[in-house]
Amino acid sequence: VKVEYEAKIKNLTRENALISTAWYDLTTRLQSNHVVLQRRQDAPRSWLNKQRQMVNATPRR
């Protein structure tokens, strides 16, 4: 019984560590993407955004 209990504790500890690292990775990526989006206020680079800019005839800055 004690061996089973220790195995369960070990598995739960490992699962908790995996969830914690996944959460940290996810929040780091979200924060990084948010910072990149905040900095990007220059002219649009994709073809579709360039077309929209030409149609609207208002330069973005």
N, C-alpha and C. Protein backbone atom coordinates (compact mmCIF):
# COMPACT_ATOMS: atom_id res chain seq x y z
N VAL A 1 0.83 -1.19 0.00
CA VAL A 1 0.00 0.00 0.00
C VAL A 1 0.88 1.25 0.00
N LYS A 2 1.95 1.22 0.79
CA LYS A 2 2.83 2.37 0.87
C LYS A 2 3.53 2.63 -0.46
N VAL A 3 3.90 1.56 -1.16
CA VAL A 3 4.57 1.70 -2.45
C VAL A 3 3.62 2.32 -3.47
N GLU A 4 2.36 1.87 -3.47
CA GLU A 4 1.36 2.43 -4.38
C GLU A 4 1.13 3.91 -4.08
N TYR A 5 1.07 4.23 -2.80
CA TYR A 5 0.87 5.62 -2.38
C TYR A 5 2.03 6.50 -2.86
N GLU A 6 3.25 6.02 -2.68
CA GLU A 6 4.42 6.79 -3.11
C GLU A 6 4.46 6.95 -4.63
N ALA A 7 4.04 5.91 -5.35
CA ALA A 7 3.99 5.99 -6.82
C ALA A 7 2.95 7.02 -7.26
N LYS A 8 1.80 7.04 -6.60
CA LYS A 8 0.77 8.03 -6.93
C LYS A 8 1.27 9.45 -6.66
N ILE A 9 1.92 9.63 -5.51
CA ILE A 9 2.47 10.95 -5.17
C ILE A 9 3.51 11.38 -6.20
N LYS A 10 4.36 10.45 -6.61
CA LYS A 10 5.39 10.75 -7.61
C LYS A 10 4.75 11.15 -8.94
N ASN A 11 3.73 10.41 -9.36
CA ASN A 11 3.05 10.73 -10.61
C ASN A 11 2.34 12.07 -10.54
N LEU A 12 1.68 12.34 -9.42
CA LEU A 12 0.99 13.61 -9.26
C LEU A 12 1.97 14.78 -9.22
N THR A 13 3.11 14.58 -8.58
CA THR A 13 4.14 15.62 -8.55
C THR A 13 4.66 15.91 -9.94
N ARG A 14 4.91 14.85 -10.72
CA ARG A 14 5.38 15.03 -12.09
C ARG A 14 4.32 15.72 -12.95
N GLU A 15 3.05 15.31 -12.80
CA GLU A 15 1.98 15.93 -13.56
C GLU A 15 1.83 17.41 -13.20
N ASN A 16 1.95 17.72 -11.91
CA ASN A 16 1.87 19.11 -11.46
C ASN A 16 3.00 19.94 -12.07
N ALA A 17 4.20 19.37 -12.13
CA ALA A 17 5.33 20.07 -12.73
C ALA A 17 5.10 20.30 -14.22
N LEU A 18 4.56 19.30 -14.91
CA LEU A 18 4.28 19.46 -16.34
C LEU A 18 3.23 20.54 -16.59
N ILE A 19 2.19 20.54 -15.78
CA ILE A 19 1.14 21.56 -15.93
C ILE A 19 1.71 22.95 -15.65
N SER A 20 2.54 23.05 -14.63
CA SER A 20 3.14 24.35 -14.30
C SER A 20 4.03 24.87 -15.42
N THR A 21 4.85 23.99 -15.99
CA THR A 21 5.73 24.44 -17.07
C THR A 21 4.93 24.76 -18.32
N ALA A 22 3.87 24.01 -18.59
CA ALA A 22 3.02 24.31 -19.75
C ALA A 22 2.34 25.66 -19.57
N TRP A 23 1.85 25.93 -18.36
CA TRP A 23 1.21 27.21 -18.07
C TRP A 23 2.20 28.36 -18.23
N TYR A 24 3.40 28.19 -17.72
CA TYR A 24 4.44 29.21 -17.84
C TYR A 24 4.77 29.47 -19.30
N ASP A 25 4.92 28.40 -20.07
CA ASP A 25 5.24 28.52 -21.50
C ASP A 25 4.12 29.26 -22.23
N LEU A 26 2.88 28.90 -21.94
CA LEU A 26 1.74 29.53 -22.60
C LEU A 26 1.66 31.02 -22.27
N THR A 27 1.79 31.37 -21.00
CA THR A 27 1.70 32.79 -20.64
C THR A 27 2.88 33.58 -21.19
N THR A 28 4.06 32.96 -21.27
CA THR A 28 5.22 33.65 -21.85
C THR A 28 4.99 33.93 -23.32
N ARG A 29 4.44 32.94 -24.05
CA ARG A 29 4.16 33.15 -25.47
C ARG A 29 3.10 34.22 -25.68
N LEU A 30 2.06 34.19 -24.87
CA LEU A 30 1.00 35.19 -25.01
C LEU A 30 1.54 36.59 -24.73
N GLN A 31 2.36 36.72 -23.71
CA GLN A 31 2.94 38.02 -23.38
C GLN A 31 3.87 38.48 -24.49
N SER A 32 4.66 37.57 -25.02
CA SER A 32 5.59 37.91 -26.10
C SER A 32 4.83 38.36 -27.34
N ASN A 33 3.77 37.64 -27.69
CA ASN A 33 2.96 38.02 -28.85
C ASN A 33 2.30 39.38 -28.64
N HIS A 34 1.86 39.65 -27.42
CA HIS A 34 1.22 40.93 -27.13
C HIS A 34 2.21 42.08 -27.28
N VAL A 35 3.42 41.88 -26.80
CA VAL A 35 4.45 42.92 -26.92
C VAL A 35 4.77 43.17 -28.38
N VAL A 36 4.89 42.12 -29.17
CA VAL A 36 5.17 42.28 -30.60
C VAL A 36 4.04 43.03 -31.27
N LEU A 37 2.80 42.70 -30.93
CA LEU A 37 1.67 43.38 -31.54
C LEU A 37 1.62 44.85 -31.13
N GLN A 38 2.00 45.16 -29.91
CA GLN A 38 2.00 46.55 -29.48
C GLN A 38 3.06 47.35 -30.22
N ARG A 39 4.20 46.76 -30.47
CA ARG A 39 5.28 47.48 -31.14
C ARG A 39 5.01 47.67 -32.62
N ARG A 40 4.22 46.80 -33.20
CA ARG A 40 4.03 46.81 -34.64
C ARG A 40 2.96 47.82 -35.03
N GLN A 41 3.38 49.04 -35.26
CA GLN A 41 2.45 50.07 -35.69
C GLN A 41 2.92 50.68 -36.99
N ASP A 42 3.83 50.00 -37.65
CA ASP A 42 4.32 50.48 -38.93
C ASP A 42 3.35 50.07 -40.04
N ALA A 43 3.71 50.36 -41.26
CA ALA A 43 2.85 50.04 -42.39
C ALA A 43 2.63 48.53 -42.48
N PRO A 44 1.44 48.12 -42.89
CA PRO A 44 1.17 46.68 -43.00
C PRO A 44 2.06 46.02 -44.04
N ARG A 45 2.44 44.79 -43.79
CA ARG A 45 3.38 44.11 -44.67
C ARG A 45 2.72 43.05 -45.54
N SER A 46 1.59 42.52 -45.14
CA SER A 46 0.97 41.47 -45.93
C SER A 46 0.32 42.06 -47.18
N TRP A 47 0.14 41.22 -48.19
CA TRP A 47 -0.44 41.67 -49.45
C TRP A 47 -1.85 42.21 -49.22
N LEU A 48 -2.65 41.51 -48.43
CA LEU A 48 -4.03 41.93 -48.18
C LEU A 48 -4.08 43.27 -47.47
N ASN A 49 -3.23 43.48 -46.49
CA ASN A 49 -3.23 44.77 -45.79
C ASN A 49 -2.75 45.89 -46.70
N LYS A 50 -1.81 45.60 -47.59
CA LYS A 50 -1.39 46.63 -48.54
C LYS A 50 -2.53 47.00 -49.47
N GLN A 51 -3.30 46.00 -49.90
CA GLN A 51 -4.45 46.28 -50.76
C GLN A 51 -5.50 47.11 -50.01
N ARG A 52 -5.74 46.76 -48.77
CA ARG A 52 -6.69 47.53 -47.97
C ARG A 52 -6.22 48.97 -47.83
N GLN A 53 -4.93 49.14 -47.63
CA GLN A 53 -4.39 50.49 -47.47
C GLN A 53 -4.58 51.29 -48.76
N MET A 54 -4.34 50.66 -49.90
CA MET A 54 -4.51 51.38 -51.17
C MET A 54 -5.97 51.73 -51.40
N VAL A 55 -6.88 50.81 -51.06
CA VAL A 55 -8.31 51.07 -51.25
C VAL A 55 -8.78 52.18 -50.31
N ASN A 56 -8.35 52.14 -49.09
CA ASN A 56 -8.76 53.15 -48.12
C ASN A 56 -8.07 54.48 -48.36
N ALA A 57 -6.90 54.44 -48.98
CA ALA A 57 -6.12 55.64 -49.31
C ALA A 57 -5.80 56.48 -48.08
N THR A 58 -5.65 55.82 -46.96
CA THR A 58 -5.22 56.52 -45.75
C THR A 58 -4.02 55.78 -45.20
N PRO A 59 -2.87 56.41 -45.25
CA PRO A 59 -1.67 55.72 -44.76
C PRO A 59 -1.74 55.49 -43.25
N ARG A 60 -1.29 54.32 -42.84
CA ARG A 60 -1.27 53.99 -41.41
C ARG A 60 0.08 54.30 -40.84
N ARG A 61 0.08 54.79 -39.65
CA ARG A 61 1.34 55.07 -38.94
C ARG A 61 1.22 54.68 -37.51
